Amino acid sequence: MRRTQKVMAVITALALSGGLVSCASSDPSTEINYVSVNGTEPQRGLIPGDTNENGGGRVVDMLYSGLVYFDETGVAQNDLAETITQDNETTYKVTLREGIKFSDGSAITASDFVDTWNFVVANGLLNTSFFSPIKGYAEGVETLEGLKVLDDRTFTIELGQPDSEFTQRIGYYGFAPMPASAREDIDAFGENPISSGPYKLEQWDHNMELRIVANENYEGPRKAQNDGLKYVFYAQNDAAYSDLLAGNLDVLDLIPPSAYTTYEEELGGRSVNQPAASYLELSIRMESPNFEGEAGTLRRKAISMAINREEISQEIFNGTYTPAVDFTSPVLEGWNAELAGNDVLTFQPEKARELWDKAEAIEPFEGELQISYNADVPNRDWVDAVANSISNELGVAAVGNPFPDFKSFRDAYRTTGLDGAYRTAWFADYPSIGNFLGPNYTSGVASNDSKYSNPEFDALIANAAAASTKEETFVAYAQAQELLLSDLPAIPLWYPNVVGGYSEAVDNVSVNWKAIPVYWAITKE
C-alpha cells in the first residue's frame, strides 16, 4: 500500500519558475515542532479512494478518518462513527458522531460518506473493488443501490450478500469521506485536500518532503499528540539512518540491512524489531514474455525453488525476514502453514532445474531475467542475492533492474508494464487473510499486479466472505491459496519484521500491527 536530496539552488530555481508545487501554505511556520519521519513520494494525489501504495497510504491514513480505525493491535474502534449496528445479515445502520467536521470547519454528514463512495466507484478509482460487497456494485455504476441516507448523521449500507469481514473492511482509509468540493476537481483536491482526520496538509514539496499539521477540527480518538509530521523522502535509506543517528530524523521504520548488526547498540534501546502484517514477493505478469501458458507456470515454479530464502535472510537481513510459506502473514488469525503445495516455496535446486528444462522444451527462454525494484529503500542487496541464486541454479542471466524511487518504479508498471519479475509487497489494509488474497489476485482488481485470473479462485474468495463461521472462512481461504500455489502468479519470499528506531527527541513511539509507526501518538518536546 513506495526521495531526493534538497539542493537549495534547485529549489530556488523551481520556485522562481513556478515548478515547485506547494499546497496549503507557501510559508510554513518555523515554529511548528514537526516530528520528522521517513517516507516516499506518494504516487498519486492524496485521495483516499485512489491511494493503494505505502508511500501515499501512510500520509492519507493521517489526513483522513473514516467510520472506524484500527488500534495498535489491529482491533477496530469507532472513529467518525458513533454506532454501527447490524439489522440483519446484509444491512448495517451507521450513526455518525455529533459535531464532526472537515479540516475547513464544514460539517461531515452522512451524504459525504455516501457521495464519496459512489464517486470512487463511478470514476473507477484504484480502491473501487473494496466497495464490491455493497448491493448494486458494478464497475462504473453511478449510484450504489445499497446506500441510503436517512438524515445528516445516519445512513444504511445493504450488501449484495453476507460478508463476515465488512465491518473490518470499512476501517480501510479508502472508505474515508471527502467534501463535495473534491468531486468538482478531484485532481486539484488531491494536491490540496480538505481532510477528515488527525492532520491537515501544510506543504508538499514533491520528491523532497511533505508536511502535515494537527487538524484543530478533529476531535476523535486519534487526536494528534504532536504539532505535525514532516515526511522526508530520502534517495537512499543509509542516508536516513545517518540522519537518525545524528538527530536530524526523529523516526525511521526501515533500518538499512547494513546496520542490522549494530543498530540496537547504536540507538541505545530506542529501536523496534517485531513481526507485522506484511509480506514480500516477486510478481510476474501472466502475459509477460517467457512467462505465458504452461511454460510460464513451470518457469515461475522453477524460479521459486531456485531461491534460497533462508540463506538470504540470514546473510542480508540478519534473520529478521522469515521465509514465506503462503501469500499472507503469520500474524493474522487463521494463518495456515500446512497448505498443500507450499513446498514450491522451498529451496529445491534439482527440482528447479528439472522444471526449467521442461519449460525450455515447450518454449526456449529468450534474453535475460530482469528483477525490477525501487532503489530508495533497501532492496538492492536482496535483489542481487536472489538474482545470483537464480542464475547459479538455473543457468539463466538474472539481473537487478533498479528505478530511482518508488514512484518512478510504479509509474513504469502502470504505464508500460514491467517484463520479467519485479518486487511487490503487501501491507495489510485491515487484519484479514482476505485482504491479502482478494485485492491481489481476484480477477480485474487494481492491485492485481500479475493480472492473474482464475474463476475458481474468485469463487472461493466470495465463498469465504459469505461463510457463516470463521472456520468455514478459513477453509475457503486455504483452498484459494492452494490454487495460488499451483498457478504461482507471484512468488512469495519473506515475512519481514519491521525494524526501526527513533531519536532522543521523541517519546511514546510504537509500531502498529501493520508495520507503520503510530504517528499521531508520538510526542516531542
Protein backbone atom coordinates (compact mmCIF):
# COMPACT_ATOMS: atom_id res chain seq x y z
CA MET A 1 0.00 0.00 0.00
CA ARG A 2 6.85 3.16 -2.11
CA ARG A 3 13.20 10.54 -2.26
CA THR A 4 15.74 13.17 -3.47
CA GLN A 5 18.14 15.43 -1.57
CA LYS A 6 17.42 19.08 -1.07
CA VAL A 7 19.60 21.28 -3.22
CA MET A 8 18.81 24.88 -2.44
CA ALA A 9 19.76 26.16 -5.88
CA VAL A 10 17.34 23.76 -7.49
CA ILE A 11 14.59 24.68 -5.07
CA THR A 12 15.13 28.36 -5.73
CA ALA A 13 15.07 27.86 -9.48
CA LEU A 14 11.94 25.80 -9.30
CA ALA A 15 10.23 28.33 -7.09
CA LEU A 16 11.08 31.19 -9.46
CA SER A 17 9.84 29.23 -12.46
CA GLY A 18 6.67 28.05 -10.76
CA GLY A 19 7.86 24.45 -10.92
CA LEU A 20 7.76 23.83 -7.18
CA VAL A 21 4.33 22.62 -6.15
CA SER A 22 3.33 23.55 -2.61
CA CYS A 23 -0.06 23.15 -1.06
CA ALA A 24 -1.99 24.75 1.77
CA SER A 25 0.79 27.13 2.77
CA SER A 26 3.66 28.73 0.87
CA ASP A 27 5.47 29.76 4.06
CA PRO A 28 5.16 27.05 6.71
CA SER A 29 5.82 28.35 10.19
CA THR A 30 9.29 27.67 11.54
CA GLU A 31 7.68 27.44 14.98
CA ILE A 32 5.98 24.14 14.18
CA ASN A 33 7.82 21.42 16.08
CA TYR A 34 7.49 18.69 13.48
CA VAL A 35 8.17 15.04 14.19
CA SER A 36 10.38 14.14 11.22
CA VAL A 37 9.83 10.68 9.74
CA ASN A 38 10.97 8.77 6.67
CA GLY A 39 8.63 8.43 3.72
CA THR A 40 8.43 8.12 -0.05
CA GLU A 41 6.82 10.39 -2.64
CA PRO A 42 3.13 9.46 -2.99
CA GLN A 43 2.47 8.01 -6.41
CA ARG A 44 -0.80 9.92 -6.84
CA GLY A 45 -2.79 12.73 -5.26
CA LEU A 46 -3.78 12.43 -1.60
CA ILE A 47 -7.18 10.89 -2.29
CA PRO A 48 -8.31 8.04 0.00
CA GLY A 49 -10.21 6.19 -2.71
CA ASP A 50 -7.31 6.45 -5.17
CA THR A 51 -4.31 5.56 -3.00
CA ASN A 52 -3.14 1.97 -2.74
CA GLU A 53 0.60 2.18 -2.10
CA ASN A 54 2.60 2.57 1.08
CA GLY A 55 4.16 5.99 0.50
CA GLY A 56 0.86 7.72 -0.13
CA GLY A 57 -1.04 5.46 2.24
CA ARG A 58 0.84 6.42 5.37
CA VAL A 59 0.08 10.11 4.65
CA VAL A 60 -3.55 9.55 3.66
CA ASP A 61 -4.13 7.49 6.80
CA MET A 62 -3.12 10.50 8.92
CA LEU A 63 -5.07 13.06 6.88
CA TYR A 64 -8.35 11.16 6.83
CA SER A 65 -10.61 9.34 9.26
CA GLY A 66 -13.43 7.01 8.35
CA LEU A 67 -16.13 5.27 10.31
CA VAL A 68 -13.66 3.13 12.27
CA TYR A 69 -9.92 2.84 12.72
CA PHE A 70 -7.66 0.04 13.91
CA ASP A 71 -5.84 0.41 17.19
CA GLU A 72 -2.21 -0.58 17.64
CA THR A 73 -3.08 -4.27 17.90
CA GLY A 74 -5.46 -4.30 14.92
CA VAL A 75 -8.78 -4.14 16.78
CA ALA A 76 -11.45 -1.99 15.10
CA GLN A 77 -12.59 1.05 17.12
CA ASN A 78 -15.15 3.71 16.24
CA ASP A 79 -13.74 6.93 14.81
CA LEU A 80 -16.25 9.17 12.97
CA ALA A 81 -18.99 6.63 13.68
CA GLU A 82 -20.90 6.78 16.93
CA THR A 83 -22.55 3.41 16.32
CA ILE A 84 -22.65 0.76 13.59
CA THR A 85 -25.48 -1.71 14.12
CA GLN A 86 -26.33 -4.76 12.06
CA ASP A 87 -30.05 -5.01 11.35
CA ASN A 88 -29.81 -8.36 9.55
CA GLU A 89 -27.26 -10.46 7.66
CA THR A 90 -26.79 -7.84 4.96
CA THR A 91 -27.89 -4.46 6.37
CA TYR A 92 -25.98 -2.05 8.61
CA LYS A 93 -27.14 1.23 10.11
CA VAL A 94 -24.46 3.88 10.69
CA THR A 95 -24.86 6.83 13.04
CA LEU A 96 -22.11 9.45 12.91
CA ARG A 97 -20.73 11.26 15.93
CA GLU A 98 -22.30 14.63 16.53
CA GLY A 99 -20.36 17.73 15.51
CA ILE A 100 -17.70 16.08 13.34
CA LYS A 101 -16.01 18.43 10.86
CA PHE A 102 -13.64 18.54 7.92
CA SER A 103 -10.40 20.47 8.31
CA ASP A 104 -12.02 23.57 6.75
CA GLY A 105 -14.66 23.58 9.50
CA SER A 106 -17.55 22.32 7.39
CA ALA A 107 -19.74 19.56 8.79
CA ILE A 108 -19.15 15.91 7.86
CA THR A 109 -22.53 14.37 7.03
CA ALA A 110 -23.91 11.01 6.03
CA SER A 111 -24.22 12.33 2.48
CA ASP A 112 -20.46 12.95 2.38
CA PHE A 113 -19.85 9.26 3.00
CA VAL A 114 -22.43 8.05 0.50
CA ASP A 115 -21.47 10.58 -2.19
CA THR A 116 -17.77 9.79 -1.77
CA TRP A 117 -18.27 6.04 -2.04
CA ASN A 118 -20.45 6.48 -5.13
CA PHE A 119 -17.82 8.79 -6.64
CA VAL A 120 -15.00 6.28 -6.11
CA VAL A 121 -16.93 3.53 -7.88
CA ALA A 122 -18.40 5.70 -10.65
CA ASN A 123 -14.96 7.02 -11.57
CA GLY A 124 -13.10 3.74 -11.25
CA LEU A 125 -10.58 4.97 -8.69
CA LEU A 126 -7.94 2.50 -7.54
CA ASN A 127 -9.85 1.32 -4.46
CA THR A 128 -13.10 0.69 -6.32
CA SER A 129 -13.04 -3.07 -5.72
CA PHE A 130 -13.15 -2.60 -1.94
CA PHE A 131 -16.78 -1.47 -2.36
CA SER A 132 -17.80 -4.63 -4.22
CA PRO A 133 -19.78 -6.17 -1.31
CA ILE A 134 -22.31 -3.29 -1.41
CA LYS A 135 -25.56 -4.09 -3.20
CA GLY A 136 -25.66 -2.83 -6.78
CA TYR A 137 -21.89 -2.71 -7.19
CA ALA A 138 -20.60 -2.89 -10.75
CA GLU A 139 -17.66 -1.20 -12.41
CA GLY A 140 -18.56 2.39 -13.30
CA VAL A 141 -22.06 2.32 -11.79
CA GLU A 142 -23.16 5.86 -10.89
CA THR A 143 -25.01 5.03 -7.67
CA LEU A 144 -24.64 2.09 -5.31
CA GLU A 145 -28.14 0.75 -4.70
CA GLY A 146 -27.24 -0.40 -1.20
CA LEU A 147 -26.50 3.07 0.18
CA LYS A 148 -29.33 5.18 1.65
CA VAL A 149 -29.08 8.49 3.53
CA LEU A 150 -31.64 8.79 6.35
CA ASP A 151 -30.56 12.15 7.77
CA ASP A 152 -27.39 14.21 8.26
CA ARG A 153 -25.98 11.75 10.78
CA THR A 154 -27.45 8.45 9.64
CA PHE A 155 -27.19 6.17 6.62
CA THR A 156 -27.66 2.50 5.86
CA ILE A 157 -25.49 0.03 3.97
CA GLU A 158 -27.05 -3.01 2.32
CA LEU A 159 -24.75 -5.70 0.98
CA GLY A 160 -25.37 -7.90 -2.03
CA GLN A 161 -24.71 -10.96 0.14
CA PRO A 162 -23.49 -11.51 3.69
CA ASP A 163 -19.86 -10.54 4.23
CA SER A 164 -18.34 -11.60 7.53
CA GLU A 165 -15.48 -9.10 7.22
CA PHE A 166 -17.34 -6.00 6.09
CA THR A 167 -17.08 -4.18 9.43
CA GLN A 168 -13.30 -4.66 9.22
CA ARG A 169 -13.14 -3.66 5.57
CA ILE A 170 -14.61 -0.22 6.29
CA GLY A 171 -11.65 0.51 8.57
CA TYR A 172 -9.52 0.90 5.45
CA TYR A 173 -8.78 4.55 4.64
CA GLY A 174 -10.28 4.04 1.17
CA PHE A 175 -13.70 4.44 2.83
CA ALA A 176 -12.95 7.89 4.29
CA PRO A 177 -15.29 10.75 3.29
CA MET A 178 -14.44 13.75 1.13
CA PRO A 179 -16.35 17.05 0.91
CA ALA A 180 -18.42 17.97 -2.14
CA SER A 181 -15.63 20.22 -3.44
CA ALA A 182 -13.46 17.15 -4.03
CA ARG A 183 -15.82 15.88 -6.68
CA GLU A 184 -15.71 19.18 -8.57
CA ASP A 185 -11.97 18.85 -9.33
CA ILE A 186 -10.52 15.65 -7.91
CA ASP A 187 -7.00 16.26 -9.29
CA ALA A 188 -6.74 19.68 -7.65
CA PHE A 189 -8.20 18.25 -4.46
CA GLY A 190 -5.52 15.55 -4.37
CA GLU A 191 -2.83 18.25 -4.33
CA ASN A 192 -4.56 20.36 -1.67
CA PRO A 193 -7.03 18.17 0.23
CA ILE A 194 -9.59 19.05 2.86
CA SER A 195 -9.17 16.28 5.41
CA SER A 196 -11.30 14.49 7.99
CA GLY A 197 -8.63 13.05 10.27
CA PRO A 198 -5.96 13.95 12.83
CA TYR A 199 -3.91 16.13 10.47
CA LYS A 200 -4.26 18.52 7.55
CA LEU A 201 -1.81 19.23 4.74
CA GLU A 202 0.61 22.08 5.32
CA GLN A 203 3.02 21.79 2.39
CA TRP A 204 4.05 19.22 -0.22
CA ASP A 205 7.40 19.78 -1.95
CA HIS A 206 7.25 16.99 -4.49
CA ASN A 207 10.06 14.43 -4.36
CA MET A 208 11.59 16.11 -1.30
CA GLU A 209 9.24 16.24 1.68
CA LEU A 210 5.63 16.58 2.77
CA ARG A 211 4.40 18.33 5.92
CA ILE A 212 1.14 17.88 7.76
CA VAL A 213 -0.02 19.69 10.90
CA ALA A 214 -2.53 18.86 13.61
CA ASN A 215 -6.14 19.35 12.49
CA GLU A 216 -7.81 21.53 15.12
CA ASN A 217 -11.24 20.49 13.84
CA TYR A 218 -10.67 16.80 14.54
CA GLU A 219 -11.86 15.67 17.98
CA GLY A 220 -11.73 11.92 17.51
CA PRO A 221 -9.82 9.13 19.25
CA ARG A 222 -6.66 9.70 17.18
CA LYS A 223 -6.16 13.30 18.27
CA ALA A 224 -2.60 14.32 17.36
CA GLN A 225 -0.24 14.49 20.34
CA ASN A 226 2.33 16.49 18.36
CA ASP A 227 2.37 19.67 16.26
CA GLY A 228 2.75 17.85 12.98
CA LEU A 229 4.70 15.37 10.88
CA LYS A 230 7.39 16.01 8.28
CA TYR A 231 7.81 13.11 5.86
CA VAL A 232 11.31 13.26 4.38
CA PHE A 233 11.87 11.47 1.07
CA TYR A 234 15.38 10.01 1.00
CA ALA A 235 17.14 8.83 -2.14
CA GLN A 236 18.98 6.20 -0.10
CA ASN A 237 17.95 4.54 3.15
CA ASP A 238 21.50 4.65 4.54
CA ALA A 239 21.26 8.46 4.47
CA ALA A 240 18.06 8.27 6.51
CA TYR A 241 19.78 6.11 9.12
CA SER A 242 22.72 8.53 9.29
CA ASP A 243 20.26 11.36 9.89
CA LEU A 244 18.59 9.33 12.63
CA LEU A 245 21.91 8.78 14.41
CA ALA A 246 22.78 12.48 14.03
CA GLY A 247 19.43 13.60 15.46
CA ASN A 248 18.24 15.05 12.15
CA LEU A 249 15.44 12.49 11.77
CA ASP A 250 13.10 11.52 14.58
CA VAL A 251 11.59 8.22 13.41
CA LEU A 252 12.82 5.64 10.88
CA ASP A 253 10.77 2.49 10.34
CA LEU A 254 13.18 0.88 7.86
CA ILE A 255 16.67 0.35 9.24
CA PRO A 256 19.04 -0.50 6.35
CA PRO A 257 20.48 -4.04 6.31
CA SER A 258 23.97 -2.53 6.61
CA ALA A 259 23.08 -1.60 10.21
CA TYR A 260 21.27 -4.78 11.25
CA THR A 261 24.14 -5.97 13.44
CA THR A 262 24.77 -2.58 15.08
CA TYR A 263 21.52 -0.59 15.28
CA GLU A 264 20.40 -1.82 18.71
CA GLU A 265 23.65 -0.71 20.33
CA GLU A 266 23.89 2.49 18.29
CA LEU A 267 20.35 3.53 19.23
CA GLY A 268 20.69 2.62 22.89
CA GLY A 269 17.40 0.77 23.17
CA ARG A 270 15.40 3.22 21.04
CA SER A 271 14.51 0.58 18.47
CA VAL A 272 11.83 -1.90 17.46
CA ASN A 273 12.04 -5.32 15.82
CA GLN A 274 8.68 -7.06 15.57
CA PRO A 275 6.51 -9.10 13.17
CA ALA A 276 3.81 -7.28 11.22
CA ALA A 277 1.00 -7.95 8.76
CA SER A 278 3.05 -7.71 5.58
CA TYR A 279 4.92 -9.85 3.12
CA LEU A 280 7.40 -9.50 0.27
CA GLU A 281 7.21 -11.25 -3.11
CA LEU A 282 8.24 -11.23 -6.75
CA SER A 283 5.41 -10.68 -9.21
CA ILE A 284 5.44 -11.68 -12.87
CA ARG A 285 2.70 -10.60 -15.26
CA MET A 286 0.89 -13.61 -16.68
CA GLU A 287 1.28 -12.23 -20.23
CA SER A 288 4.94 -11.25 -19.78
CA PRO A 289 7.28 -12.65 -22.47
CA ASN A 290 8.76 -16.04 -21.40
CA PHE A 291 6.03 -16.50 -18.78
CA GLU A 292 2.84 -17.29 -20.66
CA GLY A 293 0.94 -20.58 -20.54
CA GLU A 294 2.29 -23.89 -19.26
CA ALA A 295 5.92 -22.92 -19.84
CA GLY A 296 5.38 -19.77 -17.78
CA THR A 297 3.93 -21.69 -14.84
CA LEU A 298 6.86 -24.13 -14.92
CA ARG A 299 9.34 -21.24 -15.02
CA ARG A 300 7.75 -19.40 -12.08
CA LYS A 301 7.90 -22.58 -10.01
CA ALA A 302 11.50 -23.20 -11.05
CA ILE A 303 12.49 -19.66 -10.07
CA SER A 304 10.77 -20.05 -6.70
CA MET A 305 12.60 -23.31 -5.97
CA ALA A 306 15.92 -21.80 -7.05
CA ILE A 307 15.81 -19.10 -4.34
CA ASN A 308 17.47 -19.95 -1.03
CA ARG A 309 15.22 -17.82 1.17
CA GLU A 310 16.69 -18.93 4.50
CA GLU A 311 20.30 -18.29 3.48
CA ILE A 312 19.49 -14.86 2.04
CA SER A 313 17.52 -13.94 5.17
CA GLN A 314 20.48 -14.75 7.39
CA GLU A 315 23.10 -13.10 5.18
CA ILE A 316 21.18 -9.96 4.17
CA PHE A 317 18.54 -9.45 6.86
CA ASN A 318 20.27 -10.95 9.91
CA GLY A 319 17.32 -13.31 10.36
CA THR A 320 14.69 -10.56 10.61
CA TYR A 321 12.89 -11.81 7.48
CA THR A 322 11.13 -15.17 7.79
CA PRO A 323 10.87 -17.35 4.65
CA ALA A 324 7.28 -17.30 3.37
CA VAL A 325 5.14 -20.42 3.20
CA ASP A 326 1.98 -18.72 1.90
CA PHE A 327 0.60 -15.49 0.41
CA THR A 328 -0.43 -13.78 3.68
CA SER A 329 1.17 -13.20 7.11
CA PRO A 330 1.61 -15.31 10.27
CA VAL A 331 0.25 -12.52 12.48
CA LEU A 332 -3.26 -12.93 11.02
CA GLU A 333 -6.00 -15.04 12.55
CA GLY A 334 -6.49 -18.23 10.56
CA TRP A 335 -2.97 -18.30 9.12
CA ASN A 336 -2.09 -21.77 7.88
CA ALA A 337 1.47 -23.06 7.44
CA GLU A 338 0.36 -26.51 6.20
CA LEU A 339 -1.08 -25.66 2.80
CA ALA A 340 -0.92 -28.36 0.15
CA GLY A 341 1.66 -27.45 -2.45
CA ASN A 342 3.63 -24.90 -0.44
CA ASP A 343 6.80 -26.95 -0.94
CA VAL A 344 7.09 -24.90 -4.15
CA LEU A 345 8.28 -22.10 -1.84
CA THR A 346 11.24 -24.14 -0.54
CA PHE A 347 14.80 -24.31 -1.89
CA GLN A 348 14.94 -27.35 -4.19
CA PRO A 349 17.65 -26.68 -6.80
CA GLU A 350 17.45 -30.08 -8.52
CA LYS A 351 13.67 -29.86 -8.86
CA ALA A 352 14.03 -26.27 -10.04
CA ARG A 353 16.36 -27.30 -12.87
CA GLU A 354 14.00 -30.13 -13.83
CA LEU A 355 11.04 -27.75 -14.14
CA TRP A 356 13.13 -25.19 -16.03
CA ASP A 357 14.20 -27.83 -18.52
CA LYS A 358 10.56 -28.83 -19.05
CA ALA A 359 9.70 -25.20 -19.79
CA GLU A 360 12.63 -24.97 -22.21
CA ALA A 361 11.31 -27.99 -24.11
CA ILE A 362 8.00 -26.17 -24.61
CA GLU A 363 9.40 -22.73 -25.44
CA PRO A 364 13.04 -21.63 -25.06
CA PHE A 365 13.71 -18.68 -22.74
CA GLU A 366 14.87 -15.56 -24.58
CA GLY A 367 17.10 -12.82 -23.19
CA GLU A 368 17.82 -12.16 -19.53
CA LEU A 369 15.56 -12.24 -16.49
CA GLN A 370 15.22 -8.73 -15.10
CA ILE A 371 14.15 -8.19 -11.50
CA SER A 372 12.86 -4.62 -11.24
CA TYR A 373 12.77 -2.73 -7.94
CA ASN A 374 12.85 0.73 -6.37
CA ALA A 375 16.28 1.71 -5.04
CA ASP A 376 15.22 4.34 -2.48
CA VAL A 377 14.72 1.66 0.19
CA PRO A 378 16.97 -1.34 0.96
CA ASN A 379 16.09 -3.60 -1.97
CA ARG A 380 19.34 -3.85 -3.91
CA ASP A 381 21.18 -6.35 -1.70
CA TRP A 382 18.40 -8.91 -1.54
CA VAL A 383 17.51 -8.50 -5.23
CA ASP A 384 21.13 -9.15 -6.18
CA ALA A 385 21.22 -12.18 -3.89
CA VAL A 386 18.01 -13.55 -5.40
CA ALA A 387 19.30 -12.91 -8.93
CA ASN A 388 22.56 -14.72 -8.14
CA SER A 389 20.69 -17.66 -6.66
CA ILE A 390 18.51 -17.96 -9.78
CA SER A 391 21.48 -17.59 -12.13
CA ASN A 392 23.56 -20.15 -10.28
CA GLU A 393 20.83 -22.78 -10.12
CA LEU A 394 19.09 -22.31 -13.47
CA GLY A 395 21.85 -21.01 -15.72
CA VAL A 396 19.79 -18.03 -16.86
CA ALA A 397 21.18 -14.49 -16.70
CA ALA A 398 19.18 -12.87 -13.87
CA VAL A 399 19.93 -9.20 -13.13
CA GLY A 400 18.52 -6.41 -10.99
CA ASN A 401 16.79 -3.51 -12.74
CA PRO A 402 16.69 -0.56 -10.31
CA PHE A 403 14.43 2.50 -10.51
CA PRO A 404 15.50 5.60 -8.53
CA ASP A 405 12.36 5.75 -6.38
CA PHE A 406 9.09 4.03 -5.72
CA LYS A 407 7.01 6.50 -7.72
CA SER A 408 9.01 6.04 -10.92
CA PHE A 409 9.00 2.29 -10.38
CA ARG A 410 5.22 2.10 -10.01
CA ASP A 411 4.65 4.62 -12.78
CA ALA A 412 6.62 2.37 -15.13
CA TYR A 413 4.45 -0.56 -14.17
CA ARG A 414 1.23 1.41 -14.62
CA THR A 415 2.13 2.94 -17.98
CA THR A 416 4.18 0.34 -19.84
CA GLY A 417 4.18 -2.77 -17.66
CA LEU A 418 7.34 -4.48 -16.50
CA ASP A 419 8.66 -7.60 -18.17
CA GLY A 420 10.32 -10.30 -16.12
CA ALA A 421 9.98 -10.21 -12.34
CA TYR A 422 9.51 -7.19 -10.10
CA ARG A 423 9.44 -6.53 -6.39
CA THR A 424 5.99 -6.26 -4.85
CA ALA A 425 4.86 -6.25 -1.24
CA TRP A 426 1.64 -6.00 0.69
CA PHE A 427 0.92 -4.15 3.91
CA ALA A 428 -2.48 -5.02 5.30
CA ASP A 429 -5.36 -2.57 4.95
CA TYR A 430 -7.37 -4.41 7.56
CA PRO A 431 -6.47 -7.51 9.63
CA SER A 432 -7.74 -10.34 7.45
CA ILE A 433 -6.32 -13.09 5.28
CA GLY A 434 -8.90 -12.00 2.73
CA ASN A 435 -7.28 -8.56 2.50
CA PHE A 436 -4.10 -10.22 1.24
CA LEU A 437 -5.81 -12.56 -1.21
CA GLY A 438 -8.79 -10.67 -2.66
CA PRO A 439 -7.17 -7.34 -3.66
CA ASN A 440 -4.03 -9.01 -5.05
CA TYR A 441 -5.34 -11.98 -7.03
CA THR A 442 -9.05 -11.53 -7.77
CA SER A 443 -9.70 -11.05 -11.48
CA GLY A 444 -9.52 -7.46 -12.72
CA VAL A 445 -8.86 -5.56 -9.48
CA ALA A 446 -6.36 -2.67 -9.37
CA SER A 447 -3.78 -4.26 -7.06
CA ASN A 448 -3.62 -7.49 -9.07
CA ASP A 449 -0.14 -6.76 -10.44
CA SER A 450 0.33 -10.16 -12.07
CA LYS A 451 -3.00 -9.88 -13.95
CA TYR A 452 -3.93 -13.30 -12.59
CA SER A 453 -7.44 -14.51 -13.41
CA ASN A 454 -8.98 -17.75 -12.17
CA PRO A 455 -12.79 -18.01 -11.78
CA GLU A 456 -12.37 -20.83 -9.27
CA PHE A 457 -10.18 -18.61 -7.10
CA ASP A 458 -12.66 -15.72 -7.39
CA ALA A 459 -15.49 -18.02 -6.28
CA LEU A 460 -13.55 -19.22 -3.24
CA ILE A 461 -12.86 -15.65 -2.13
CA ALA A 462 -16.59 -14.89 -2.44
CA ASN A 463 -17.43 -18.06 -0.51
CA ALA A 464 -15.02 -17.10 2.27
CA ALA A 465 -16.69 -13.70 2.68
CA ALA A 466 -20.17 -15.22 2.76
CA ALA A 467 -19.31 -18.05 5.17
CA SER A 468 -21.30 -18.17 8.40
CA THR A 469 -18.39 -19.24 10.64
CA LYS A 470 -14.72 -18.35 10.89
CA GLU A 471 -13.82 -21.98 10.36
CA GLU A 472 -15.64 -22.07 7.02
CA THR A 473 -13.98 -18.81 6.04
CA PHE A 474 -10.52 -20.14 6.81
CA VAL A 475 -11.16 -23.37 4.88
CA ALA A 476 -12.16 -21.37 1.79
CA TYR A 477 -9.09 -19.16 2.11
CA ALA A 478 -6.86 -22.24 2.38
CA GLN A 479 -8.42 -23.70 -0.77
CA ALA A 480 -7.90 -20.39 -2.58
CA GLN A 481 -4.25 -20.30 -1.53
CA GLU A 482 -3.69 -23.84 -2.75
CA LEU A 483 -4.84 -22.68 -6.20
CA LEU A 484 -2.31 -19.85 -6.00
CA LEU A 485 0.43 -22.29 -5.04
CA SER A 486 -0.44 -24.35 -8.11
CA ASP A 487 -0.62 -21.41 -10.54
CA LEU A 488 2.00 -19.25 -8.75
CA PRO A 489 1.08 -15.83 -10.21
CA ALA A 490 3.57 -14.36 -7.75
CA ILE A 491 6.48 -15.82 -5.79
CA PRO A 492 6.23 -15.24 -2.01
CA LEU A 493 9.65 -14.60 -0.49
CA TRP A 494 9.58 -13.44 3.13
CA TYR A 495 7.53 -12.09 6.02
CA PRO A 496 9.56 -9.00 7.03
CA ASN A 497 9.84 -7.84 10.59
CA VAL A 498 9.53 -4.09 10.98
CA VAL A 499 12.99 -2.96 12.11
CA GLY A 500 13.11 0.69 13.08
CA GLY A 501 14.37 3.28 15.52
CA TYR A 502 13.83 6.77 16.90
CA SER A 503 15.80 9.70 18.24
CA GLU A 504 16.17 11.02 21.78
CA ALA A 505 13.91 13.96 20.88
CA VAL A 506 10.69 11.93 20.76
CA ASP A 507 8.72 9.70 23.13
CA ASN A 508 5.76 7.32 23.02
CA VAL A 509 6.98 5.73 19.78
CA SER A 510 5.45 2.40 18.80
CA VAL A 511 4.76 0.46 15.62
CA ASN A 512 1.32 -0.94 14.90
CA TRP A 513 0.13 -4.33 13.70
CA LYS A 514 0.74 -3.45 10.04
CA ALA A 515 4.32 -2.16 10.37
CA ILE A 516 3.54 1.60 10.49
CA PRO A 517 4.53 3.90 13.39
CA VAL A 518 1.59 5.21 15.41
CA TYR A 519 2.38 8.73 14.24
CA TRP A 520 -0.43 10.60 15.95
CA ALA A 521 0.61 9.34 19.41
CA ILE A 522 4.27 10.41 19.20
CA THR A 523 5.26 13.29 21.48
CA LYS A 524 8.14 15.73 21.03
CA GLU A 525 9.39 18.37 23.42
